[in-house]
Amino acid sequence: MDKRLLARLTDAERLLVAETGKDELAALDEDGLVELHTRVRRARSKYVGQYRRGAAARVPSAGGRGKGFAQNQLARDKAEAFEIALAQVSAALAKSARASAAELKAERLAAAAAGTTRPRAASSTTAERAAAPARKAPASPARTTSGSKRPAPSQAKKNASSRAQGARRQAKRDSR
């Protein structure tokens, strides 16, 4: 990583970035990598948010987004440093996940070849579903006496009431 970016970080942030080195990542298992990935992603998101909020706040005073660019360098540098660290952790996590998946696949294939299987989790099988009583089909839309698909007057009133209630809610939100 660029020394200029590391110089902008605090000691705690520098330690977090140091945990993303190749040797440190190789020593972690998949769960450790997930935990580190979460911490680095949170730090990156923090500085990206600070950068965006700072840039947005400076637009009126600076006279434009481009004119306020240089004033927000610290948050931008920290976000970039954590973005690079996150990419390293993500790559290590993906590699570890692929290895775990391959190991699990080999284990399952070996168990299948040996004729042993692990007991299934509590989920319904096809036979259980077939033996269960059939569910009722959803009710069809209300029909008029003539059999057309137009809703009955009572249903039309209910639909109109629901639409009006939604419109009132939206108008209340829009007026904020």
Protein backbone atom coordinates (compact mmCIF):
# COMPACT_ATOMS: atom_id res chain seq x y z
CA MET A 1 0.00 0.00 0.00
CA ASP A 2 1.10 3.53 -0.66
CA LYS A 3 3.04 5.09 2.24
CA ARG A 4 1.19 8.37 1.69
CA LEU A 5 -2.11 6.65 2.44
CA LEU A 6 -0.74 4.85 5.50
CA ALA A 7 0.62 8.10 6.90
CA ARG A 8 -2.89 9.57 6.96
CA LEU A 9 -4.25 6.77 9.17
CA THR A 10 -4.40 6.72 12.97
CA ASP A 11 -2.53 4.02 14.89
CA ALA A 12 -5.65 1.89 15.35
CA GLU A 13 -6.50 2.19 11.65
CA ARG A 14 -2.92 1.35 10.69
CA LEU A 15 -3.12 -1.80 12.83
CA LEU A 16 -6.34 -2.80 11.08
CA VAL A 17 -4.74 -2.32 7.68
CA ALA A 18 -1.67 -4.26 8.88
CA GLU A 19 -3.96 -7.24 9.56
CA THR A 20 -4.62 -7.41 5.82
CA GLY A 21 -1.06 -8.36 4.89
CA LYS A 22 -0.48 -11.63 3.02
CA ASP A 23 1.11 -13.42 5.98
CA GLU A 24 -1.62 -12.30 8.40
CA LEU A 25 -4.39 -13.32 6.00
CA ALA A 26 -2.81 -16.73 5.41
CA ALA A 27 -2.87 -17.40 9.16
CA LEU A 28 -6.65 -16.79 9.44
CA ASP A 29 -9.36 -19.37 8.91
CA GLU A 30 -12.56 -18.61 7.01
CA ASP A 31 -14.43 -17.33 10.08
CA GLY A 32 -11.54 -15.05 10.97
CA LEU A 33 -11.48 -13.72 7.44
CA VAL A 34 -15.22 -13.00 7.55
CA GLU A 35 -14.79 -11.10 10.82
CA LEU A 36 -11.84 -9.10 9.44
CA HIS A 37 -13.75 -8.42 6.22
CA THR A 38 -16.63 -6.99 8.26
CA ARG A 39 -14.33 -4.72 10.29
CA VAL A 40 -12.51 -3.40 7.23
CA ARG A 41 -15.78 -2.89 5.32
CA ARG A 42 -17.22 -0.89 8.23
CA ALA A 43 -14.12 1.31 8.36
CA ARG A 44 -14.28 1.86 4.59
CA SER A 45 -17.98 2.68 4.74
CA LYS A 46 -17.35 5.14 7.58
CA TYR A 47 -14.85 7.18 5.58
CA VAL A 48 -16.80 6.96 2.34
CA GLY A 49 -19.79 8.36 4.23
CA GLN A 50 -17.69 11.10 5.80
CA TYR A 51 -16.30 12.01 2.40
CA ARG A 52 -19.74 12.18 0.78
CA ARG A 53 -21.31 14.17 3.60
CA GLY A 54 -18.37 16.58 3.67
CA ALA A 55 -18.41 17.05 -0.08
CA ALA A 56 -22.16 17.62 -0.10
CA ALA A 57 -21.88 20.19 2.70
CA ARG A 58 -19.17 22.12 0.83
CA VAL A 59 -21.02 22.42 -2.48
CA PRO A 60 -22.94 25.61 -1.58
CA SER A 61 -19.96 27.37 0.01
CA ALA A 62 -17.40 26.29 -2.59
CA GLY A 63 -19.67 26.98 -5.53
CA GLY A 64 -19.63 23.48 -7.01
CA ARG A 65 -18.60 19.89 -6.44
CA GLY A 66 -15.30 20.22 -8.24
CA LYS A 67 -14.21 23.31 -6.32
CA GLY A 68 -14.64 21.57 -2.96
CA PHE A 69 -12.66 18.49 -4.06
CA ALA A 70 -9.30 19.39 -2.48
CA GLN A 71 -10.81 20.27 0.89
CA ASN A 72 -11.90 16.68 1.50
CA GLN A 73 -8.58 14.91 0.96
CA LEU A 74 -8.21 13.20 4.37
CA ALA A 75 -11.50 11.28 4.24
CA ARG A 76 -10.86 10.39 0.59
CA ASP A 77 -7.38 9.02 1.40
CA LYS A 78 -8.65 6.97 4.32
CA ALA A 79 -11.50 5.56 2.23
CA GLU A 80 -9.01 4.62 -0.49
CA ALA A 81 -6.69 2.91 2.01
CA PHE A 82 -9.52 0.83 3.40
CA GLU A 83 -10.79 0.05 -0.10
CA ILE A 84 -7.41 -1.45 -0.98
CA ALA A 85 -7.35 -3.41 2.30
CA LEU A 86 -10.90 -4.63 1.70
CA ALA A 87 -9.94 -5.89 -1.75
CA GLN A 88 -7.10 -7.92 -0.25
CA VAL A 89 -9.34 -9.43 2.43
CA SER A 90 -12.09 -10.15 -0.11
CA ALA A 91 -9.66 -12.00 -2.36
CA ALA A 92 -8.37 -14.09 0.57
CA LEU A 93 -11.92 -14.81 1.72
CA ALA A 94 -12.95 -15.91 -1.77
CA LYS A 95 -9.94 -18.21 -1.98
CA SER A 96 -10.74 -19.70 1.42
CA ALA A 97 -14.42 -20.15 0.52
CA ARG A 98 -13.49 -21.95 -2.72
CA ALA A 99 -11.17 -24.26 -0.79
CA SER A 100 -13.87 -24.99 1.80
CA ALA A 101 -16.42 -25.69 -0.92
CA ALA A 102 -14.04 -28.06 -2.70
CA GLU A 103 -13.29 -29.84 0.58
CA LEU A 104 -16.98 -30.20 1.39
CA LYS A 105 -17.73 -31.47 -2.11
CA ALA A 106 -14.98 -34.09 -1.85
CA GLU A 107 -16.31 -35.14 1.56
CA ARG A 108 -19.85 -35.53 0.21
CA LEU A 109 -18.68 -37.45 -2.84
CA ALA A 110 -16.68 -39.80 -0.61
CA ALA A 111 -19.70 -40.33 1.64
CA ALA A 112 -21.94 -40.99 -1.37
CA ALA A 113 -19.45 -43.48 -2.79
CA ALA A 114 -19.30 -45.27 0.54
CA GLY A 115 -23.10 -45.40 0.64
CA THR A 116 -23.42 -43.39 3.81
CA THR A 117 -25.25 -40.14 4.01
CA ARG A 118 -25.64 -37.63 6.75
CA PRO A 119 -29.07 -37.37 8.33
CA ARG A 120 -31.17 -34.68 6.75
CA ALA A 121 -32.12 -31.56 8.56
CA ALA A 122 -35.73 -31.13 9.60
CA SER A 123 -37.16 -30.27 6.20
CA SER A 124 -40.17 -31.68 4.45
CA THR A 125 -39.53 -34.35 1.85
CA THR A 126 -41.60 -34.98 -1.22
CA ALA A 127 -43.35 -37.93 0.42
CA GLU A 128 -44.22 -35.86 3.49
CA ARG A 129 -45.62 -33.11 1.32
CA ALA A 130 -47.67 -35.61 -0.69
CA ALA A 131 -49.13 -37.12 2.49
CA ALA A 132 -50.02 -33.73 3.96
CA PRO A 133 -53.53 -32.42 3.34
CA ALA A 134 -53.81 -30.19 0.33
CA ARG A 135 -53.86 -26.47 0.96
CA LYS A 136 -56.84 -24.44 -0.12
CA ALA A 137 -56.37 -22.49 -3.30
CA PRO A 138 -56.41 -18.72 -2.84
CA ALA A 139 -59.82 -17.21 -3.18
CA SER A 140 -60.64 -15.90 -6.62
CA PRO A 141 -61.52 -12.24 -7.01
CA ALA A 142 -65.08 -11.30 -6.17
CA ARG A 143 -67.47 -11.64 -9.07
CA THR A 144 -70.71 -9.95 -9.87
CA THR A 145 -73.94 -11.85 -10.20
CA SER A 146 -73.49 -12.00 -13.96
CA GLY A 147 -70.17 -13.85 -13.49
CA SER A 148 -67.93 -11.08 -14.90
CA LYS A 149 -64.53 -10.39 -13.31
CA ARG A 150 -65.52 -6.92 -12.24
CA PRO A 151 -65.42 -6.65 -8.47
CA ALA A 152 -68.64 -6.46 -6.50
CA PRO A 153 -69.57 -2.98 -5.26
CA SER A 154 -68.51 -3.82 -1.70
CA GLN A 155 -65.09 -4.95 -2.96
CA ALA A 156 -64.75 -1.83 -5.13
CA LYS A 157 -65.40 0.35 -2.08
CA LYS A 158 -62.76 -1.55 -0.09
CA ASN A 159 -60.19 -1.21 -2.91
CA ALA A 160 -60.90 2.52 -3.26
CA SER A 161 -60.52 3.00 0.49
CA SER A 162 -57.15 1.23 0.48
CA ARG A 163 -55.90 3.31 -2.44
CA ALA A 164 -57.02 6.54 -0.76
CA GLN A 165 -55.31 5.54 2.48
CA GLY A 166 -52.07 4.87 0.60
CA ALA A 167 -52.36 8.20 -1.21
CA ARG A 168 -52.82 10.02 2.10
CA ARG A 169 -49.75 8.29 3.53
CA GLN A 170 -47.68 9.22 0.49
CA ALA A 171 -48.89 12.84 0.59
CA LYS A 172 -47.90 13.05 4.24
CA ARG A 173 -44.40 11.77 3.40
CA ASP A 174 -44.07 14.14 0.45
CA SER A 175 -44.99 17.16 2.54
CA ARG A 176 -42.08 16.62 4.96
